[in-house]
Protein backbone atom coordinates (compact mmCIF):
# COMPACT_ATOMS: atom_id res chain seq x y z
CA MET A 1 114.17 89.73 68.86
CA ALA A 2 116.16 92.98 68.68
CA VAL A 3 118.58 91.80 71.36
CA LYS A 4 118.94 88.39 69.72
CA ALA A 5 120.17 90.10 66.55
CA TYR A 6 123.36 91.02 68.42
CA ASP A 7 123.99 87.44 69.60
CA LEU A 8 127.20 86.08 68.04
CA THR A 9 127.10 82.65 69.68
CA GLY A 10 128.64 80.01 67.44
CA ARG A 11 130.50 82.53 65.28
CA ALA A 12 134.23 83.04 64.86
CA ALA A 13 135.73 86.53 64.72
CA PHE A 14 139.23 87.54 63.62
CA VAL A 15 140.40 90.87 65.06
CA THR A 16 143.63 92.55 64.00
CA GLY A 17 145.27 95.03 66.35
CA ALA A 18 143.73 93.11 69.26
CA ALA A 19 146.56 93.78 71.72
CA SER A 20 145.37 97.22 72.81
CA GLY A 21 143.08 100.17 72.26
CA ILE A 22 140.19 99.87 69.85
CA GLY A 23 141.25 96.38 68.75
CA ARG A 24 141.19 95.09 72.31
CA ALA A 25 137.81 96.71 73.00
CA CYS A 26 136.40 95.09 69.85
CA ALA A 27 137.80 91.67 70.74
CA VAL A 28 136.37 91.82 74.26
CA LEU A 29 132.93 93.05 73.18
CA LEU A 30 132.59 90.51 70.35
CA ALA A 31 133.48 87.78 72.84
CA GLU A 32 130.89 89.11 75.30
CA ALA A 33 128.34 88.82 72.48
CA GLY A 34 129.24 85.12 72.16
CA ALA A 35 131.86 84.97 69.41
CA THR A 36 135.01 82.88 69.58
CA VAL A 37 137.66 85.54 69.10
CA HIS A 38 140.95 85.13 67.27
CA GLY A 39 143.13 88.10 68.14
CA ALA A 40 146.06 89.05 65.92
CA ASP A 41 148.86 91.50 66.68
CA ARG A 42 152.64 91.87 66.82
CA ASP A 43 152.44 92.53 70.56
CA THR A 44 152.46 89.10 72.20
CA ARG A 45 152.12 90.41 75.73
CA GLY A 46 149.17 92.62 74.80
CA LEU A 47 147.49 89.72 73.00
CA HIS A 48 147.77 87.53 76.09
CA GLU A 49 146.31 90.33 78.23
CA THR A 50 143.37 90.66 75.84
CA ALA A 51 142.82 86.89 75.85
CA ALA A 52 142.91 86.89 79.65
CA LEU A 53 140.24 89.62 79.78
CA ILE A 54 138.02 87.57 77.47
CA GLU A 55 138.53 84.31 79.35
CA THR A 56 137.95 85.96 82.73
CA HIS A 57 134.42 86.73 81.57
CA GLY A 58 133.85 83.21 80.26
CA GLY A 59 134.70 83.86 76.62
CA VAL A 60 136.89 81.91 74.22
CA ALA A 61 140.03 83.52 72.81
CA HIS A 62 142.90 82.46 70.58
CA SER A 63 146.02 84.53 70.01
CA HIS A 64 148.02 84.86 66.79
CA ARG A 65 151.27 86.79 66.79
CA VAL A 66 151.34 88.21 63.28
CA ASP A 67 152.39 91.32 61.41
CA VAL A 68 149.50 92.34 59.14
CA THR A 69 151.97 93.40 56.43
CA ASP A 70 153.18 89.79 56.19
CA ARG A 71 150.61 88.29 53.85
CA PRO A 72 151.66 84.60 54.20
CA ALA A 73 151.68 84.84 58.00
CA LEU A 74 148.31 86.56 57.99
CA ARG A 75 146.91 83.89 55.68
CA ARG A 76 148.05 81.14 58.04
CA ALA A 77 146.49 82.91 61.02
CA VAL A 78 143.14 83.39 59.26
CA GLU A 79 143.07 79.82 58.00
CA ALA A 80 143.77 78.60 61.54
CA CYS A 81 140.27 79.81 62.44
CA GLY A 82 138.84 76.87 60.49
CA GLU A 83 135.77 78.88 59.58
CA LEU A 84 135.18 82.59 59.85
CA HIS A 85 132.10 84.75 60.23
CA ILE A 86 133.51 88.15 61.25
CA LEU A 87 136.61 90.18 60.45
CA ALA A 88 137.41 93.38 62.33
CA ALA A 89 140.47 94.85 60.59
CA VAL A 90 141.56 97.33 63.24
CA ALA A 91 145.37 97.29 63.21
CA GLY A 92 146.89 100.64 62.30
CA ILE A 93 149.62 103.12 63.06
CA MET A 94 149.73 106.90 63.26
CA HIS A 95 152.08 109.24 61.44
CA SER A 96 152.44 113.01 61.64
CA GLY A 97 154.33 115.10 59.13
CA THR A 98 153.66 117.78 56.54
CA VAL A 99 153.42 117.04 52.84
CA LEU A 100 156.84 118.59 52.23
CA GLU A 101 158.40 116.51 55.02
CA THR A 102 156.96 113.18 53.90
CA THR A 103 159.53 110.62 52.76
CA ASP A 104 159.24 107.41 50.78
CA GLU A 105 159.88 105.51 54.00
CA ASP A 106 157.01 107.30 55.77
CA LEU A 107 154.62 106.58 52.93
CA ASP A 108 155.63 102.94 52.56
CA ARG A 109 155.39 102.26 56.30
CA VAL A 110 151.97 103.85 56.83
CA LEU A 111 150.39 102.52 53.65
CA GLY A 112 151.89 99.12 54.44
CA VAL A 113 150.08 98.81 57.77
CA ASN A 114 147.02 101.02 57.34
CA PHE A 115 146.07 100.02 53.81
CA LYS A 116 147.91 96.90 52.69
CA GLY A 117 147.42 95.27 56.09
CA VAL A 118 143.67 95.88 55.85
CA LEU A 119 143.59 94.71 52.23
CA TYR A 120 145.41 91.47 53.06
CA ALA A 121 143.11 90.76 56.00
CA CYS A 122 140.02 91.43 53.88
CA GLN A 123 141.27 89.20 51.07
CA GLU A 124 142.10 86.25 53.32
CA ALA A 125 138.93 86.60 55.37
CA ALA A 126 136.69 86.86 52.30
CA ARG A 127 138.33 83.83 50.69
CA LEU A 128 137.74 81.74 53.81
CA MET A 129 134.16 82.97 54.21
CA ILE A 130 133.39 82.08 50.59
CA ALA A 131 135.05 78.67 50.90
CA CYS A 132 133.09 77.89 54.07
CA GLY A 133 129.84 79.32 52.75
CA THR A 134 129.44 81.62 55.75
CA ARG A 135 127.42 84.78 55.26
CA GLY A 136 130.06 86.87 56.95
CA SER A 137 130.64 90.46 57.96
CA ILE A 138 133.84 92.39 57.34
CA VAL A 139 134.43 95.61 59.27
CA THR A 140 137.33 97.86 58.34
CA MET A 141 138.72 100.78 60.32
CA ALA A 142 138.72 104.11 58.49
CA SER A 143 139.05 107.45 60.28
CA GLY A 144 137.34 110.76 60.81
CA ALA A 145 140.47 112.26 59.24
CA VAL A 146 138.98 111.26 55.87
CA ASP A 147 136.13 113.72 56.47
CA THR A 148 137.94 116.54 58.24
CA GLY A 149 141.46 116.48 56.82
CA GLY A 150 144.04 118.44 58.72
CA PRO A 151 147.68 119.44 58.47
CA GLY A 152 150.31 116.80 59.13
CA LEU A 153 148.15 113.79 58.31
CA LEU A 154 148.90 113.11 54.64
CA CYS A 155 150.06 109.48 54.95
CA TYR A 156 147.47 108.55 57.56
CA SER A 157 144.53 110.21 55.80
CA ALA A 158 145.52 108.86 52.39
CA ALA A 159 145.70 105.30 53.74
CA LYS A 160 142.35 105.63 55.48
CA ALA A 161 140.74 107.07 52.33
CA ALA A 162 142.03 104.02 50.48
CA VAL A 163 140.40 101.82 53.13
CA VAL A 164 137.05 103.53 52.45
CA GLN A 165 137.31 102.75 48.74
CA LEU A 166 138.40 99.19 49.49
CA THR A 167 135.35 98.79 51.71
CA LYS A 168 132.90 99.98 49.06
CA THR A 169 134.49 97.95 46.27
CA LEU A 170 134.67 94.75 48.30
CA ALA A 171 131.05 95.21 49.40
CA ALA A 172 129.99 95.41 45.74
CA GLU A 173 132.05 92.35 44.81
CA THR A 174 131.18 89.99 47.67
CA GLY A 175 127.51 90.77 48.25
CA ARG A 176 126.50 87.89 46.02
CA HIS A 177 128.24 85.57 48.48
CA GLY A 178 126.22 87.00 51.36
CA ILE A 179 129.22 88.89 52.72
CA ARG A 180 128.67 92.40 54.05
CA VAL A 181 131.53 94.92 54.17
CA ASN A 182 131.36 98.18 56.11
CA ALA A 183 133.76 100.66 57.68
CA VAL A 184 133.90 102.50 60.97
CA ALA A 185 135.39 106.01 60.89
CA PRO A 186 136.03 107.14 64.47
CA GLY A 187 136.68 110.66 65.61
CA TRP A 188 139.25 111.42 68.32
CA ILE A 189 139.47 108.33 70.55
CA ARG A 190 141.55 108.09 73.72
CA THR A 191 143.84 105.10 73.05
CA PRO A 192 147.49 104.16 73.56
CA MET A 193 148.10 105.50 70.05
CA THR A 194 146.90 108.99 71.04
CA ASP A 195 148.75 108.65 74.36
CA ARG A 196 151.99 108.89 72.39
CA HIS A 197 151.72 112.66 72.86
CA ASP A 198 153.15 114.20 76.00
CA PRO A 199 150.42 114.65 78.66
CA GLU A 200 150.18 118.42 78.25
CA ALA A 201 149.86 118.28 74.47
CA ARG A 202 147.35 115.44 74.68
CA SER A 203 145.25 117.37 77.19
CA ARG A 204 145.17 120.44 74.95
CA THR A 205 144.16 118.36 71.95
CA GLU A 206 141.45 116.46 73.81
CA THR A 207 140.03 119.67 75.24
CA ALA A 208 139.90 121.19 71.75
CA MET A 209 138.29 118.08 70.25
CA ALA A 210 135.72 117.89 73.05
CA ARG A 211 134.72 121.49 72.36
CA LEU A 212 134.12 120.63 68.69
CA SER A 213 131.75 117.82 69.60
CA PRO A 214 128.07 118.54 70.31
CA LEU A 215 128.37 115.83 72.97
CA GLY A 216 131.20 117.68 74.69
CA ARG A 217 133.66 114.81 75.00
CA VAL A 218 136.17 112.68 73.15
CA GLY A 219 135.52 109.01 72.43
CA THR A 220 136.55 105.78 74.10
CA PRO A 221 137.57 102.48 72.50
CA GLU A 222 134.28 101.05 73.72
CA ASP A 223 132.36 103.67 71.73
CA VAL A 224 133.99 102.32 68.58
CA ALA A 225 133.62 98.69 69.63
CA HIS A 226 129.85 99.06 69.89
CA ALA A 227 129.75 100.36 66.32
CA VAL A 228 131.79 97.34 65.22
CA LEU A 229 129.45 94.98 67.08
CA TYR A 230 126.46 96.47 65.27
CA LEU A 231 128.10 95.98 61.87
CA ALA A 232 129.33 92.49 62.75
CA SER A 233 125.93 91.31 63.92
CA ASP A 234 122.61 90.50 62.28
CA ALA A 235 121.31 93.85 63.54
CA SER A 236 122.89 95.32 60.40
CA ALA A 237 121.79 92.52 58.05
CA PHE A 238 120.72 94.98 55.33
CA THR A 239 123.75 97.25 55.66
CA THR A 240 126.78 97.02 53.38
CA GLY A 241 129.22 99.42 51.74
CA GLN A 242 128.53 102.01 54.43
CA ILE A 243 130.67 104.19 56.70
CA LEU A 244 129.57 104.42 60.35
CA ARG A 245 131.00 107.44 62.16
CA PRO A 246 131.26 107.32 65.97
CA ASN A 247 132.81 110.79 66.12
CA GLY A 248 130.69 112.70 68.61
CA GLY A 249 129.25 114.83 65.82
CA VAL A 250 132.56 116.54 65.01
CA ALA A 251 131.90 115.82 61.33
CA MET A 252 128.43 115.34 59.84
CA PRO A 253 128.91 114.46 56.14
CA TRP A 254 126.00 113.53 53.90
């Protein structure tokens, strides 16, 4: 019975940021659990690679080239699912810069992808779930930066904090429709986004983050994907408005 709760056979999942990193890991794992996966991203090549990984293991995948900041395009991609049971709103970008260095362009770009893009996906997914009468699950991607803060992360942390509040508010508003809304707030995860650092700087950062964790390591995209699977599945049927933190114990908030 416990294993069956994770079975997503017959369900449709829409995953933003599916071309790489955490988004790809989520798309692949949800497909392995039985879901038909609709991957969305601006990176066409990465989307096709994700779809190929899913299909190689017998899963079903559809690819949608879409920018999450383009609401009409995102609406068309979500509606193309026909019906929807799961949203994993993973797409995001990183930005580093002090408060005094932050420009209007920085703020608009990061909030556009990391908050508005999540908001648009949640709105379109919830509307389709309500219209179809599916008791769906929406999973947003917050960040451990919301708990720990840190210099140089104003735009990123602010956007992720907004995602947390969006998650809680949407959970309160859509529960009557049987829709659950939760967030995942990862710690340091080794992804192409963190690989933007030069190898030496990345190694220093990962070593420092591993030392902060009681588990003695940094995370993988699969660590986050398993948290998303739990929240997407019936295993978390009585869980909504919550923040799940696969962060290796770096932060332990109440």
